[in-house]
Every structure is written in C-alpha cells, then in structure tokens.
Amino acid sequence: GTAVALSLGCFAVLPLLVRLAAGDGLL
C-alpha cells in the first residue's frame, strides 16, 4: 500500500499537475 501511494503521488499526480501548468514540452 505504501509503494502504491508513493508511486501515484510522485509519478501520476505530480506529472499531471506540471503538465497542466507548463504544457507538454520536453523541459
């Protein structure tokens, strides 16, 4: 359960927020 929560927070929620804020570019 801990591994699932960490993964979702760092590699699903965070990239989605960055994508919404800064777009789809490489940087």
mmCIF file of all heavy atoms, coordinates in Angstrom:
data_MODEL
# 
_entry.id   MODEL 
# 
loop_
_atom_site.group_PDB 
_atom_site.id 
_atom_site.type_symbol 
_atom_site.label_atom_id 
_atom_site.label_alt_id 
_atom_site.label_comp_id 
_atom_site.label_asym_id 
_atom_site.label_entity_id 
_atom_site.label_seq_id 
_atom_site.pdbx_PDB_ins_code 
_atom_site.Cartn_x 
_atom_site.Cartn_y 
_atom_site.Cartn_z 
_atom_site.occupancy 
_atom_site.B_iso_or_equiv 
_atom_site.pdbx_formal_charge 
_atom_site.auth_seq_id 
_atom_site.auth_comp_id 
_atom_site.auth_asym_id 
_atom_site.auth_atom_id 
_atom_site.pdbx_PDB_model_num 
ATOM 1   N N   . GLY A 1 1  ? 0.807  -1.213 0.000   1.00 0.00 ? 1  GLY A N   1 
ATOM 2   C CA  . GLY A 1 1  ? 0.000  0.000  0.000   1.00 0.00 ? 1  GLY A CA  1 
ATOM 3   C C   . GLY A 1 1  ? 0.845  1.269  0.000   1.00 0.00 ? 1  GLY A C   1 
ATOM 4   O O   . GLY A 1 1  ? 0.528  2.247  -0.697  1.00 0.00 ? 1  GLY A O   1 
ATOM 5   N N   . THR A 1 2  ? 1.921  1.244  0.762   1.00 0.00 ? 2  THR A N   1 
ATOM 6   C CA  . THR A 1 2  ? 2.816  2.403  0.799   1.00 0.00 ? 2  THR A CA  1 
ATOM 7   C C   . THR A 1 2  ? 3.472  2.638  -0.557  1.00 0.00 ? 2  THR A C   1 
ATOM 8   O O   . THR A 1 2  ? 3.583  3.784  -1.027  1.00 0.00 ? 2  THR A O   1 
ATOM 9   C CB  . THR A 1 2  ? 3.897  2.190  1.872   1.00 0.00 ? 2  THR A CB  1 
ATOM 10  O OG1 . THR A 1 2  ? 3.270  1.999  3.142   1.00 0.00 ? 2  THR A OG1 1 
ATOM 11  C CG2 . THR A 1 2  ? 4.832  3.385  1.947   1.00 0.00 ? 2  THR A CG2 1 
ATOM 12  N N   . ALA A 1 3  ? 3.913  1.563  -1.215  1.00 0.00 ? 3  ALA A N   1 
ATOM 13  C CA  . ALA A 1 3  ? 4.541  1.686  -2.529  1.00 0.00 ? 3  ALA A CA  1 
ATOM 14  C C   . ALA A 1 3  ? 3.558  2.232  -3.560  1.00 0.00 ? 3  ALA A C   1 
ATOM 15  O O   . ALA A 1 3  ? 3.924  3.066  -4.408  1.00 0.00 ? 3  ALA A O   1 
ATOM 16  C CB  . ALA A 1 3  ? 5.069  0.323  -2.971  1.00 0.00 ? 3  ALA A CB  1 
ATOM 17  N N   . VAL A 1 4  ? 2.293  1.795  -3.499  1.00 0.00 ? 4  VAL A N   1 
ATOM 18  C CA  . VAL A 1 4  ? 1.272  2.305  -4.416  1.00 0.00 ? 4  VAL A CA  1 
ATOM 19  C C   . VAL A 1 4  ? 1.063  3.803  -4.211  1.00 0.00 ? 4  VAL A C   1 
ATOM 20  O O   . VAL A 1 4  ? 1.032  4.591  -5.176  1.00 0.00 ? 4  VAL A O   1 
ATOM 21  C CB  . VAL A 1 4  ? -0.058 1.537  -4.221  1.00 0.00 ? 4  VAL A CB  1 
ATOM 22  C CG1 . VAL A 1 4  ? -1.204 2.255  -4.936  1.00 0.00 ? 4  VAL A CG1 1 
ATOM 23  C CG2 . VAL A 1 4  ? 0.062  0.113  -4.735  1.00 0.00 ? 4  VAL A CG2 1 
ATOM 24  N N   . ALA A 1 5  ? 0.923  4.227  -2.956  1.00 0.00 ? 5  ALA A N   1 
ATOM 25  C CA  . ALA A 1 5  ? 0.675  5.645  -2.669  1.00 0.00 ? 5  ALA A CA  1 
ATOM 26  C C   . ALA A 1 5  ? 1.848  6.514  -3.117  1.00 0.00 ? 5  ALA A C   1 
ATOM 27  O O   . ALA A 1 5  ? 1.659  7.583  -3.726  1.00 0.00 ? 5  ALA A O   1 
ATOM 28  C CB  . ALA A 1 5  ? 0.412  5.826  -1.175  1.00 0.00 ? 5  ALA A CB  1 
ATOM 29  N N   . LEU A 1 6  ? 3.067  6.079  -2.815  1.00 0.00 ? 6  LEU A N   1 
ATOM 30  C CA  . LEU A 1 6  ? 4.244  6.844  -3.239  1.00 0.00 ? 6  LEU A CA  1 
ATOM 31  C C   . LEU A 1 6  ? 4.311  6.973  -4.753  1.00 0.00 ? 6  LEU A C   1 
ATOM 32  O O   . LEU A 1 6  ? 4.594  8.051  -5.293  1.00 0.00 ? 6  LEU A O   1 
ATOM 33  C CB  . LEU A 1 6  ? 5.513  6.161  -2.723  1.00 0.00 ? 6  LEU A CB  1 
ATOM 34  C CG  . LEU A 1 6  ? 5.986  6.498  -1.312  1.00 0.00 ? 6  LEU A CG  1 
ATOM 35  C CD1 . LEU A 1 6  ? 7.189  5.631  -0.946  1.00 0.00 ? 6  LEU A CD1 1 
ATOM 36  C CD2 . LEU A 1 6  ? 6.349  7.969  -1.206  1.00 0.00 ? 6  LEU A CD2 1 
ATOM 37  N N   . SER A 1 7  ? 4.071  5.877  -5.450  1.00 0.00 ? 7  SER A N   1 
ATOM 38  C CA  . SER A 1 7  ? 4.157  5.883  -6.915  1.00 0.00 ? 7  SER A CA  1 
ATOM 39  C C   . SER A 1 7  ? 3.130  6.820  -7.528  1.00 0.00 ? 7  SER A C   1 
ATOM 40  O O   . SER A 1 7  ? 3.449  7.622  -8.425  1.00 0.00 ? 7  SER A O   1 
ATOM 41  C CB  . SER A 1 7  ? 3.959  4.462  -7.454  1.00 0.00 ? 7  SER A CB  1 
ATOM 42  O OG  . SER A 1 7  ? 4.920  3.578  -6.940  1.00 0.00 ? 7  SER A OG  1 
ATOM 43  N N   . LEU A 1 8  ? 1.891  6.732  -7.059  1.00 0.00 ? 8  LEU A N   1 
ATOM 44  C CA  . LEU A 1 8  ? 0.838  7.588  -7.609  1.00 0.00 ? 8  LEU A CA  1 
ATOM 45  C C   . LEU A 1 8  ? 1.134  9.070  -7.362  1.00 0.00 ? 8  LEU A C   1 
ATOM 46  O O   . LEU A 1 8  ? 0.962  9.910  -8.254  1.00 0.00 ? 8  LEU A O   1 
ATOM 47  C CB  . LEU A 1 8  ? -0.505 7.210  -6.994  1.00 0.00 ? 8  LEU A CB  1 
ATOM 48  C CG  . LEU A 1 8  ? -1.122 5.874  -7.450  1.00 0.00 ? 8  LEU A CG  1 
ATOM 49  C CD1 . LEU A 1 8  ? -2.375 5.566  -6.634  1.00 0.00 ? 8  LEU A CD1 1 
ATOM 50  C CD2 . LEU A 1 8  ? -1.444 5.896  -8.936  1.00 0.00 ? 8  LEU A CD2 1 
ATOM 51  N N   . GLY A 1 9  ? 1.593  9.392  -6.164  1.00 0.00 ? 9  GLY A N   1 
ATOM 52  C CA  . GLY A 1 9  ? 1.869  10.788 -5.852  1.00 0.00 ? 9  GLY A CA  1 
ATOM 53  C C   . GLY A 1 9  ? 2.999  11.377 -6.681  1.00 0.00 ? 9  GLY A C   1 
ATOM 54  O O   . GLY A 1 9  ? 2.886  12.501 -7.191  1.00 0.00 ? 9  GLY A O   1 
ATOM 55  N N   . CYS A 1 10 ? 4.085  10.612 -6.834  1.00 0.00 ? 10 CYS A N   1 
ATOM 56  C CA  . CYS A 1 10 ? 5.285  11.153 -7.480  1.00 0.00 ? 10 CYS A CA  1 
ATOM 57  C C   . CYS A 1 10 ? 5.282  11.016 -9.000  1.00 0.00 ? 10 CYS A C   1 
ATOM 58  O O   . CYS A 1 10 ? 5.922  11.823 -9.696  1.00 0.00 ? 10 CYS A O   1 
ATOM 59  C CB  . CYS A 1 10 ? 6.528  10.460 -6.922  1.00 0.00 ? 10 CYS A CB  1 
ATOM 60  S SG  . CYS A 1 10 ? 6.799  10.756 -5.167  1.00 0.00 ? 10 CYS A SG  1 
ATOM 61  N N   . PHE A 1 11 ? 4.560  10.021 -9.529  1.00 0.00 ? 11 PHE A N   1 
ATOM 62  C CA  . PHE A 1 11 ? 4.665  9.756  -10.962 1.00 0.00 ? 11 PHE A CA  1 
ATOM 63  C C   . PHE A 1 11 ? 3.331  9.770  -11.704 1.00 0.00 ? 11 PHE A C   1 
ATOM 64  O O   . PHE A 1 11 ? 3.295  9.457  -12.898 1.00 0.00 ? 11 PHE A O   1 
ATOM 65  C CB  . PHE A 1 11 ? 5.371  8.420  -11.186 1.00 0.00 ? 11 PHE A CB  1 
ATOM 66  C CG  . PHE A 1 11 ? 6.773  8.408  -10.660 1.00 0.00 ? 11 PHE A CG  1 
ATOM 67  C CD1 . PHE A 1 11 ? 7.091  7.738  -9.491  1.00 0.00 ? 11 PHE A CD1 1 
ATOM 68  C CD2 . PHE A 1 11 ? 7.778  9.107  -11.316 1.00 0.00 ? 11 PHE A CD2 1 
ATOM 69  C CE1 . PHE A 1 11 ? 8.383  7.750  -8.993  1.00 0.00 ? 11 PHE A CE1 1 
ATOM 70  C CE2 . PHE A 1 11 ? 9.071  9.123  -10.820 1.00 0.00 ? 11 PHE A CE2 1 
ATOM 71  C CZ  . PHE A 1 11 ? 9.381  8.445  -9.652  1.00 0.00 ? 11 PHE A CZ  1 
ATOM 72  N N   . ALA A 1 12 ? 2.250  10.136 -11.015 1.00 0.00 ? 12 ALA A N   1 
ATOM 73  C CA  . ALA A 1 12 ? 0.970  10.328 -11.692 1.00 0.00 ? 12 ALA A CA  1 
ATOM 74  C C   . ALA A 1 12 ? 0.430  11.722 -11.388 1.00 0.00 ? 12 ALA A C   1 
ATOM 75  O O   . ALA A 1 12 ? 0.227  12.527 -12.297 1.00 0.00 ? 12 ALA A O   1 
ATOM 76  C CB  . ALA A 1 12 ? -0.036 9.259  -11.257 1.00 0.00 ? 12 ALA A CB  1 
ATOM 77  N N   . VAL A 1 13 ? 0.232  12.032 -10.104 1.00 0.00 ? 13 VAL A N   1 
ATOM 78  C CA  . VAL A 1 13 ? -0.327 13.333 -9.733  1.00 0.00 ? 13 VAL A CA  1 
ATOM 79  C C   . VAL A 1 13 ? 0.634  14.464 -10.076 1.00 0.00 ? 13 VAL A C   1 
ATOM 80  O O   . VAL A 1 13 ? 0.253  15.465 -10.708 1.00 0.00 ? 13 VAL A O   1 
ATOM 81  C CB  . VAL A 1 13 ? -0.660 13.354 -8.222  1.00 0.00 ? 13 VAL A CB  1 
ATOM 82  C CG1 . VAL A 1 13 ? -1.146 14.742 -7.813  1.00 0.00 ? 13 VAL A CG1 1 
ATOM 83  C CG2 . VAL A 1 13 ? -1.719 12.301 -7.903  1.00 0.00 ? 13 VAL A CG2 1 
ATOM 84  N N   . LEU A 1 14 ? 1.910  14.321 -9.679  1.00 0.00 ? 14 LEU A N   1 
ATOM 85  C CA  . LEU A 1 14 ? 2.888  15.382 -9.933  1.00 0.00 ? 14 LEU A CA  1 
ATOM 86  C C   . LEU A 1 14 ? 3.078  15.667 -11.425 1.00 0.00 ? 14 LEU A C   1 
ATOM 87  O O   . LEU A 1 14 ? 2.996  16.834 -11.848 1.00 0.00 ? 14 LEU A O   1 
ATOM 88  C CB  . LEU A 1 14 ? 4.225  15.019 -9.268  1.00 0.00 ? 14 LEU A CB  1 
ATOM 89  C CG  . LEU A 1 14 ? 5.366  16.018 -9.476  1.00 0.00 ? 14 LEU A CG  1 
ATOM 90  C CD1 . LEU A 1 14 ? 4.997  17.385 -8.903  1.00 0.00 ? 14 LEU A CD1 1 
ATOM 91  C CD2 . LEU A 1 14 ? 6.649  15.505 -8.830  1.00 0.00 ? 14 LEU A CD2 1 
ATOM 92  N N   . PRO A 1 15 ? 3.335  14.659 -12.290 1.00 0.00 ? 15 PRO A N   1 
ATOM 93  C CA  . PRO A 1 15 ? 3.464  14.961 -13.725 1.00 0.00 ? 15 PRO A CA  1 
ATOM 94  C C   . PRO A 1 15 ? 2.201  15.586 -14.321 1.00 0.00 ? 15 PRO A C   1 
ATOM 95  O O   . PRO A 1 15 ? 2.289  16.453 -15.198 1.00 0.00 ? 15 PRO A O   1 
ATOM 96  C CB  . PRO A 1 15 ? 3.757  13.598 -14.345 1.00 0.00 ? 15 PRO A CB  1 
ATOM 97  C CG  . PRO A 1 15 ? 4.356  12.802 -13.254 1.00 0.00 ? 15 PRO A CG  1 
ATOM 98  C CD  . PRO A 1 15 ? 3.653  13.246 -12.006 1.00 0.00 ? 15 PRO A CD  1 
ATOM 99  N N   . LEU A 1 16 ? 1.014  15.149 -13.840 1.00 0.00 ? 16 LEU A N   1 
ATOM 100 C CA  . LEU A 1 16 ? -0.225 15.735 -14.352 1.00 0.00 ? 16 LEU A CA  1 
ATOM 101 C C   . LEU A 1 16 ? -0.328 17.214 -13.996 1.00 0.00 ? 16 LEU A C   1 
ATOM 102 O O   . LEU A 1 16 ? -0.694 18.045 -14.832 1.00 0.00 ? 16 LEU A O   1 
ATOM 103 C CB  . LEU A 1 16 ? -1.418 14.966 -13.786 1.00 0.00 ? 16 LEU A CB  1 
ATOM 104 C CG  . LEU A 1 16 ? -2.806 15.482 -14.191 1.00 0.00 ? 16 LEU A CG  1 
ATOM 105 C CD1 . LEU A 1 16 ? -2.973 15.416 -15.702 1.00 0.00 ? 16 LEU A CD1 1 
ATOM 106 C CD2 . LEU A 1 16 ? -3.904 14.683 -13.497 1.00 0.00 ? 16 LEU A CD2 1 
ATOM 107 N N   . LEU A 1 17 ? 0.023  17.571 -12.751 1.00 0.00 ? 17 LEU A N   1 
ATOM 108 C CA  . LEU A 1 17 ? -0.022 18.976 -12.341 1.00 0.00 ? 17 LEU A CA  1 
ATOM 109 C C   . LEU A 1 17 ? 0.966  19.822 -13.144 1.00 0.00 ? 17 LEU A C   1 
ATOM 110 O O   . LEU A 1 17 ? 0.641  20.933 -13.583 1.00 0.00 ? 17 LEU A O   1 
ATOM 111 C CB  . LEU A 1 17 ? 0.277  19.086 -10.844 1.00 0.00 ? 17 LEU A CB  1 
ATOM 112 C CG  . LEU A 1 17 ? -0.778 18.493 -9.901  1.00 0.00 ? 17 LEU A CG  1 
ATOM 113 C CD1 . LEU A 1 17 ? -0.308 18.592 -8.454  1.00 0.00 ? 17 LEU A CD1 1 
ATOM 114 C CD2 . LEU A 1 17 ? -2.116 19.199 -10.081 1.00 0.00 ? 17 LEU A CD2 1 
ATOM 115 N N   . VAL A 1 18 ? 2.179  19.287 -13.342 1.00 0.00 ? 18 VAL A N   1 
ATOM 116 C CA  . VAL A 1 18 ? 3.179  20.020 -14.129 1.00 0.00 ? 18 VAL A CA  1 
ATOM 117 C C   . VAL A 1 18 ? 2.713  20.179 -15.568 1.00 0.00 ? 18 VAL A C   1 
ATOM 118 O O   . VAL A 1 18 ? 2.876  21.236 -16.189 1.00 0.00 ? 18 VAL A O   1 
ATOM 119 C CB  . VAL A 1 18 ? 4.535  19.297 -14.062 1.00 0.00 ? 18 VAL A CB  1 
ATOM 120 C CG1 . VAL A 1 18 ? 5.532  19.928 -15.029 1.00 0.00 ? 18 VAL A CG1 1 
ATOM 121 C CG2 . VAL A 1 18 ? 5.086  19.326 -12.638 1.00 0.00 ? 18 VAL A CG2 1 
ATOM 122 N N   . ARG A 1 19 ? 2.097  19.132 -16.111 1.00 0.00 ? 19 ARG A N   1 
ATOM 123 C CA  . ARG A 1 19 ? 1.617  19.193 -17.491 1.00 0.00 ? 19 ARG A CA  1 
ATOM 124 C C   . ARG A 1 19 ? 0.514  20.233 -17.649 1.00 0.00 ? 19 ARG A C   1 
ATOM 125 O O   . ARG A 1 19 ? 0.466  20.971 -18.638 1.00 0.00 ? 19 ARG A O   1 
ATOM 126 C CB  . ARG A 1 19 ? 1.121  17.809 -17.910 1.00 0.00 ? 19 ARG A CB  1 
ATOM 127 C CG  . ARG A 1 19 ? 1.043  17.607 -19.412 1.00 0.00 ? 19 ARG A CG  1 
ATOM 128 C CD  . ARG A 1 19 ? 0.852  16.129 -19.735 1.00 0.00 ? 19 ARG A CD  1 
ATOM 129 N NE  . ARG A 1 19 ? 1.027  15.880 -21.153 1.00 0.00 ? 19 ARG A NE  1 
ATOM 130 C CZ  . ARG A 1 19 ? 1.018  14.671 -21.702 1.00 0.00 ? 19 ARG A CZ  1 
ATOM 131 N NH1 . ARG A 1 19 ? 0.861  13.599 -20.934 1.00 0.00 ? 19 ARG A NH1 1 
ATOM 132 N NH2 . ARG A 1 19 ? 1.168  14.528 -23.008 1.00 0.00 ? 19 ARG A NH2 1 
ATOM 133 N N   . LEU A 1 20 ? -0.389 20.302 -16.672 1.00 0.00 ? 20 LEU A N   1 
ATOM 134 C CA  . LEU A 1 20 ? -1.464 21.285 -16.727 1.00 0.00 ? 20 LEU A CA  1 
ATOM 135 C C   . LEU A 1 20 ? -0.927 22.708 -16.598 1.00 0.00 ? 20 LEU A C   1 
ATOM 136 O O   . LEU A 1 20 ? -1.454 23.644 -17.206 1.00 0.00 ? 20 LEU A O   1 
ATOM 137 C CB  . LEU A 1 20 ? -2.475 21.009 -15.611 1.00 0.00 ? 20 LEU A CB  1 
ATOM 138 C CG  . LEU A 1 20 ? -3.324 19.733 -15.762 1.00 0.00 ? 20 LEU A CG  1 
ATOM 139 C CD1 . LEU A 1 20 ? -4.181 19.521 -14.517 1.00 0.00 ? 20 LEU A CD1 1 
ATOM 140 C CD2 . LEU A 1 20 ? -4.198 19.825 -17.004 1.00 0.00 ? 20 LEU A CD2 1 
ATOM 141 N N   . ALA A 1 21 ? 0.125  22.860 -15.802 1.00 0.00 ? 21 ALA A N   1 
ATOM 142 C CA  . ALA A 1 21 ? 0.658  24.200 -15.553 1.00 0.00 ? 21 ALA A CA  1 
ATOM 143 C C   . ALA A 1 21 ? 1.625  24.661 -16.633 1.00 0.00 ? 21 ALA A C   1 
ATOM 144 O O   . ALA A 1 21 ? 1.646  25.853 -16.989 1.00 0.00 ? 21 ALA A O   1 
ATOM 145 C CB  . ALA A 1 21 ? 1.357  24.223 -14.193 1.00 0.00 ? 21 ALA A CB  1 
ATOM 146 N N   . ALA A 1 22 ? 2.461  23.737 -17.165 1.00 0.00 ? 22 ALA A N   1 
ATOM 147 C CA  . ALA A 1 22 ? 3.546  24.153 -18.065 1.00 0.00 ? 22 ALA A CA  1 
ATOM 148 C C   . ALA A 1 22 ? 3.439  23.593 -19.477 1.00 0.00 ? 22 ALA A C   1 
ATOM 149 O O   . ALA A 1 22 ? 4.281  23.918 -20.327 1.00 0.00 ? 22 ALA A O   1 
ATOM 150 C CB  . ALA A 1 22 ? 4.890  23.742 -17.456 1.00 0.00 ? 22 ALA A CB  1 
ATOM 151 N N   . GLY A 1 23 ? 2.473  22.746 -19.753 1.00 0.00 ? 23 GLY A N   1 
ATOM 152 C CA  . GLY A 1 23 ? 2.322  22.234 -21.108 1.00 0.00 ? 23 GLY A CA  1 
ATOM 153 C C   . GLY A 1 23 ? 3.034  20.910 -21.316 1.00 0.00 ? 23 GLY A C   1 
ATOM 154 O O   . GLY A 1 23 ? 3.523  20.274 -20.371 1.00 0.00 ? 23 GLY A O   1 
ATOM 155 N N   . ASP A 1 24 ? 3.100  20.494 -22.605 1.00 0.00 ? 24 ASP A N   1 
ATOM 156 C CA  . ASP A 1 24 ? 3.599  19.165 -22.957 1.00 0.00 ? 24 ASP A CA  1 
ATOM 157 C C   . ASP A 1 24 ? 5.045  19.148 -23.457 1.00 0.00 ? 24 ASP A C   1 
ATOM 158 O O   . ASP A 1 24 ? 5.473  18.163 -24.062 1.00 0.00 ? 24 ASP A O   1 
ATOM 159 C CB  . ASP A 1 24 ? 2.708  18.553 -24.054 1.00 0.00 ? 24 ASP A CB  1 
ATOM 160 C CG  . ASP A 1 24 ? 1.295  18.310 -23.579 1.00 0.00 ? 24 ASP A CG  1 
ATOM 161 O OD1 . ASP A 1 24 ? 1.123  18.097 -22.364 1.00 0.00 ? 24 ASP A OD1 1 
ATOM 162 O OD2 . ASP A 1 24 ? 0.367  18.344 -24.411 1.00 0.00 ? 24 ASP A OD2 1 
ATOM 163 N N   . GLY A 1 25 ? 5.791  20.191 -23.251 1.00 0.00 ? 25 GLY A N   1 
ATOM 164 C CA  . GLY A 1 25 ? 7.147  20.246 -23.784 1.00 0.00 ? 25 GLY A CA  1 
ATOM 165 C C   . GLY A 1 25 ? 8.102  19.283 -23.100 1.00 0.00 ? 25 GLY A C   1 
ATOM 166 O O   . GLY A 1 25 ? 7.806  18.686 -22.052 1.00 0.00 ? 25 GLY A O   1 
ATOM 167 N N   . LEU A 1 26 ? 9.295  19.151 -23.701 1.00 0.00 ? 26 LEU A N   1 
ATOM 168 C CA  . LEU A 1 26 ? 10.305 18.245 -23.161 1.00 0.00 ? 26 LEU A CA  1 
ATOM 169 C C   . LEU A 1 26 ? 10.805 18.720 -21.798 1.00 0.00 ? 26 LEU A C   1 
ATOM 170 O O   . LEU A 1 26 ? 10.981 17.913 -20.874 1.00 0.00 ? 26 LEU A O   1 
ATOM 171 C CB  . LEU A 1 26 ? 11.484 18.143 -24.146 1.00 0.00 ? 26 LEU A CB  1 
ATOM 172 C CG  . LEU A 1 26 ? 12.670 17.281 -23.693 1.00 0.00 ? 26 LEU A CG  1 
ATOM 173 C CD1 . LEU A 1 26 ? 12.232 15.837 -23.467 1.00 0.00 ? 26 LEU A CD1 1 
ATOM 174 C CD2 . LEU A 1 26 ? 13.805 17.361 -24.713 1.00 0.00 ? 26 LEU A CD2 1 
ATOM 175 N N   . LEU A 1 27 ? 11.034 20.034 -21.658 1.00 0.00 ? 27 LEU A N   1 
ATOM 176 C CA  . LEU A 1 27 ? 11.565 20.558 -20.395 1.00 0.00 ? 27 LEU A CA  1 
ATOM 177 C C   . LEU A 1 27 ? 10.622 20.309 -19.221 1.00 0.00 ? 27 LEU A C   1 
ATOM 178 O O   . LEU A 1 27 ? 11.057 19.838 -18.157 1.00 0.00 ? 27 LEU A O   1 
ATOM 179 C CB  . LEU A 1 27 ? 11.876 22.050 -20.539 1.00 0.00 ? 27 LEU A CB  1 
ATOM 180 C CG  . LEU A 1 27 ? 12.557 22.711 -19.328 1.00 0.00 ? 27 LEU A CG  1 
ATOM 181 C CD1 . LEU A 1 27 ? 13.871 22.010 -19.012 1.00 0.00 ? 27 LEU A CD1 1 
ATOM 182 C CD2 . LEU A 1 27 ? 12.777 24.203 -19.590 1.00 0.00 ? 27 LEU A CD2 1 
# 
